[in-house]
Amino acid sequence: MHILWGCLIAAVGLFMVICGSTKSEFVIYRLMVARSRILWGEKVHRFYQIVGTMVIIFGALVALGYIWR
């Protein structure tokens, strides 16, 4: 079961990285950006690229069983 959750977490991270790189206009990403822009200003897209990478790493660790046994 941890493989499934790890892959889903990594997919969310990949979504963040792709949308942050392309400055996507996808509805869910726009909502996330609107809330984050208050704190991060114009660097919000870079923030989502970095956080997305961290989420991908966390998802890989979960899928491999290092976290959440």
N, C-alpha and C. Protein backbone atom coordinates (compact mmCIF):
# COMPACT_ATOMS: atom_id res chain seq x y z
N MET A 1 0.81 -1.19 0.00
CA MET A 1 0.00 0.00 0.00
C MET A 1 0.86 1.27 0.00
N HIS A 2 2.04 1.15 0.63
CA HIS A 2 2.90 2.33 0.66
C HIS A 2 3.44 2.69 -0.72
N ILE A 3 3.50 1.72 -1.61
CA ILE A 3 3.94 2.02 -2.98
C ILE A 3 2.91 2.91 -3.68
N LEU A 4 1.65 2.61 -3.49
CA LEU A 4 0.58 3.41 -4.09
C LEU A 4 0.62 4.84 -3.56
N TRP A 5 0.70 4.99 -2.23
CA TRP A 5 0.73 6.32 -1.64
C TRP A 5 1.98 7.09 -2.06
N GLY A 6 3.11 6.42 -2.11
CA GLY A 6 4.33 7.07 -2.53
C GLY A 6 4.25 7.58 -3.96
N CYS A 7 3.66 6.79 -4.84
CA CYS A 7 3.50 7.20 -6.24
C CYS A 7 2.53 8.38 -6.36
N LEU A 8 1.47 8.36 -5.57
CA LEU A 8 0.52 9.48 -5.60
C LEU A 8 1.16 10.76 -5.09
N ILE A 9 1.94 10.66 -4.02
CA ILE A 9 2.63 11.83 -3.49
C ILE A 9 3.62 12.37 -4.52
N ALA A 10 4.37 11.48 -5.16
CA ALA A 10 5.33 11.90 -6.18
C ALA A 10 4.61 12.54 -7.37
N ALA A 11 3.44 12.05 -7.72
CA ALA A 11 2.67 12.63 -8.82
C ALA A 11 2.24 14.06 -8.50
N VAL A 12 1.86 14.30 -7.26
CA VAL A 12 1.50 15.66 -6.84
C VAL A 12 2.72 16.58 -6.93
N GLY A 13 3.87 16.08 -6.51
CA GLY A 13 5.10 16.85 -6.62
C GLY A 13 5.44 17.16 -8.07
N LEU A 14 5.26 16.18 -8.94
CA LEU A 14 5.52 16.39 -10.36
C LEU A 14 4.57 17.44 -10.94
N PHE A 15 3.32 17.40 -10.51
CA PHE A 15 2.35 18.41 -10.91
C PHE A 15 2.83 19.81 -10.52
N MET A 16 3.32 19.94 -9.28
CA MET A 16 3.81 21.24 -8.81
C MET A 16 5.01 21.72 -9.62
N VAL A 17 5.94 20.82 -9.90
CA VAL A 17 7.13 21.19 -10.65
C VAL A 17 6.77 21.62 -12.08
N ILE A 18 5.93 20.86 -12.74
CA ILE A 18 5.55 21.17 -14.12
C ILE A 18 4.78 22.49 -14.19
N CYS A 19 3.81 22.65 -13.31
CA CYS A 19 3.02 23.88 -13.32
C CYS A 19 3.87 25.09 -12.94
N GLY A 20 4.78 24.91 -11.99
CA GLY A 20 5.66 26.01 -11.61
C GLY A 20 6.61 26.39 -12.72
N SER A 21 7.07 25.42 -13.48
CA SER A 21 7.99 25.70 -14.58
C SER A 21 7.31 26.40 -15.74
N THR A 22 6.07 26.02 -16.02
CA THR A 22 5.35 26.59 -17.16
C THR A 22 4.46 27.77 -16.77
N LYS A 23 4.40 28.07 -15.48
CA LYS A 23 3.50 29.12 -14.96
C LYS A 23 2.09 28.89 -15.48
N SER A 24 1.62 27.69 -15.22
CA SER A 24 0.37 27.18 -15.75
C SER A 24 -0.83 28.03 -15.33
N GLU A 25 -1.87 27.97 -16.14
CA GLU A 25 -3.14 28.64 -15.86
C GLU A 25 -4.21 27.64 -15.43
N PHE A 26 -3.79 26.44 -15.06
CA PHE A 26 -4.72 25.40 -14.61
C PHE A 26 -5.40 25.89 -13.33
N VAL A 27 -6.68 25.61 -13.20
CA VAL A 27 -7.49 26.18 -12.13
C VAL A 27 -6.93 25.85 -10.74
N ILE A 28 -6.61 24.61 -10.48
CA ILE A 28 -6.12 24.22 -9.15
C ILE A 28 -4.80 24.93 -8.85
N TYR A 29 -3.92 24.98 -9.84
CA TYR A 29 -2.63 25.65 -9.63
C TYR A 29 -2.83 27.15 -9.41
N ARG A 30 -3.74 27.77 -10.14
CA ARG A 30 -4.00 29.20 -9.93
C ARG A 30 -4.50 29.47 -8.53
N LEU A 31 -5.34 28.58 -7.99
CA LEU A 31 -5.82 28.76 -6.62
C LEU A 31 -4.68 28.64 -5.62
N MET A 32 -3.79 27.68 -5.83
CA MET A 32 -2.64 27.51 -4.94
C MET A 32 -1.73 28.74 -5.02
N VAL A 33 -1.51 29.25 -6.22
CA VAL A 33 -0.64 30.41 -6.42
C VAL A 33 -1.25 31.64 -5.77
N ALA A 34 -2.55 31.81 -5.89
CA ALA A 34 -3.21 32.99 -5.31
C ALA A 34 -2.99 33.04 -3.80
N ARG A 35 -3.06 31.90 -3.15
CA ARG A 35 -2.85 31.88 -1.70
C ARG A 35 -1.37 32.05 -1.35
N SER A 36 -0.50 31.51 -2.13
CA SER A 36 0.93 31.56 -1.83
C SER A 36 1.55 32.90 -2.20
N ARG A 37 0.95 33.61 -3.12
CA ARG A 37 1.50 34.89 -3.58
C ARG A 37 1.55 35.91 -2.44
N ILE A 38 0.67 35.77 -1.46
CA ILE A 38 0.64 36.68 -0.32
C ILE A 38 1.99 36.65 0.40
N LEU A 39 2.54 35.47 0.58
CA LEU A 39 3.80 35.32 1.29
C LEU A 39 5.01 35.40 0.38
N TRP A 40 4.92 34.80 -0.82
CA TRP A 40 6.10 34.66 -1.68
C TRP A 40 6.20 35.71 -2.77
N GLY A 41 5.16 36.47 -3.01
CA GLY A 41 5.21 37.52 -4.04
C GLY A 41 5.39 36.94 -5.43
N GLU A 42 6.28 37.53 -6.19
CA GLU A 42 6.50 37.09 -7.57
C GLU A 42 7.37 35.84 -7.67
N LYS A 43 7.95 35.40 -6.56
CA LYS A 43 8.79 34.20 -6.56
C LYS A 43 7.97 32.94 -6.31
N VAL A 44 6.67 33.03 -6.43
CA VAL A 44 5.79 31.92 -6.09
C VAL A 44 6.01 30.71 -7.01
N HIS A 45 6.31 30.95 -8.27
CA HIS A 45 6.49 29.83 -9.20
C HIS A 45 7.79 29.08 -8.87
N ARG A 46 8.84 29.78 -8.51
CA ARG A 46 10.10 29.15 -8.09
C ARG A 46 9.85 28.35 -6.81
N PHE A 47 9.04 28.90 -5.90
CA PHE A 47 8.68 28.20 -4.67
C PHE A 47 8.03 26.86 -4.98
N TYR A 48 7.10 26.83 -5.92
CA TYR A 48 6.43 25.57 -6.26
C TYR A 48 7.36 24.59 -6.98
N GLN A 49 8.35 25.08 -7.69
CA GLN A 49 9.33 24.18 -8.29
C GLN A 49 10.16 23.51 -7.20
N ILE A 50 10.60 24.27 -6.23
CA ILE A 50 11.43 23.71 -5.16
C ILE A 50 10.62 22.78 -4.27
N VAL A 51 9.44 23.21 -3.87
CA VAL A 51 8.59 22.37 -3.02
C VAL A 51 8.17 21.11 -3.76
N GLY A 52 7.87 21.22 -5.05
CA GLY A 52 7.50 20.05 -5.84
C GLY A 52 8.61 19.03 -5.89
N THR A 53 9.84 19.50 -6.01
CA THR A 53 11.00 18.59 -6.00
C THR A 53 11.11 17.88 -4.66
N MET A 54 10.91 18.63 -3.59
CA MET A 54 10.97 18.02 -2.25
C MET A 54 9.85 16.99 -2.06
N VAL A 55 8.68 17.27 -2.58
CA VAL A 55 7.55 16.34 -2.46
C VAL A 55 7.82 15.08 -3.29
N ILE A 56 8.44 15.21 -4.44
CA ILE A 56 8.80 14.04 -5.25
C ILE A 56 9.77 13.16 -4.49
N ILE A 57 10.77 13.77 -3.86
CA ILE A 57 11.74 12.99 -3.08
C ILE A 57 11.04 12.29 -1.92
N PHE A 58 10.17 12.98 -1.22
CA PHE A 58 9.43 12.37 -0.13
C PHE A 58 8.57 11.21 -0.63
N GLY A 59 7.90 11.40 -1.76
CA GLY A 59 7.07 10.33 -2.33
C GLY A 59 7.89 9.12 -2.72
N ALA A 60 9.09 9.35 -3.24
CA ALA A 60 9.97 8.23 -3.60
C ALA A 60 10.40 7.47 -2.34
N LEU A 61 10.69 8.20 -1.28
CA LEU A 61 11.07 7.54 -0.03
C LEU A 61 9.92 6.73 0.55
N VAL A 62 8.72 7.24 0.45
CA VAL A 62 7.55 6.49 0.92
C VAL A 62 7.36 5.24 0.07
N ALA A 63 7.46 5.39 -1.25
CA ALA A 63 7.26 4.25 -2.15
C ALA A 63 8.30 3.16 -1.93
N LEU A 64 9.52 3.56 -1.58
CA LEU A 64 10.58 2.59 -1.35
C LEU A 64 10.52 1.99 0.05
N GLY A 65 9.67 2.52 0.90
CA GLY A 65 9.48 1.96 2.21
C GLY A 65 10.38 2.52 3.30
N TYR A 66 11.13 3.58 3.01
CA TYR A 66 12.00 4.17 4.02
C TYR A 66 11.22 5.00 5.04
N ILE A 67 10.08 5.49 4.61
CA ILE A 67 9.21 6.28 5.48
C ILE A 67 7.83 5.62 5.46
N TRP A 68 7.16 5.62 6.60
CA TRP A 68 5.77 5.13 6.65
C TRP A 68 5.66 3.64 6.52
N ARG A 69 6.32 2.92 7.37
CA ARG A 69 6.29 1.46 7.31
C ARG A 69 5.06 0.91 7.95
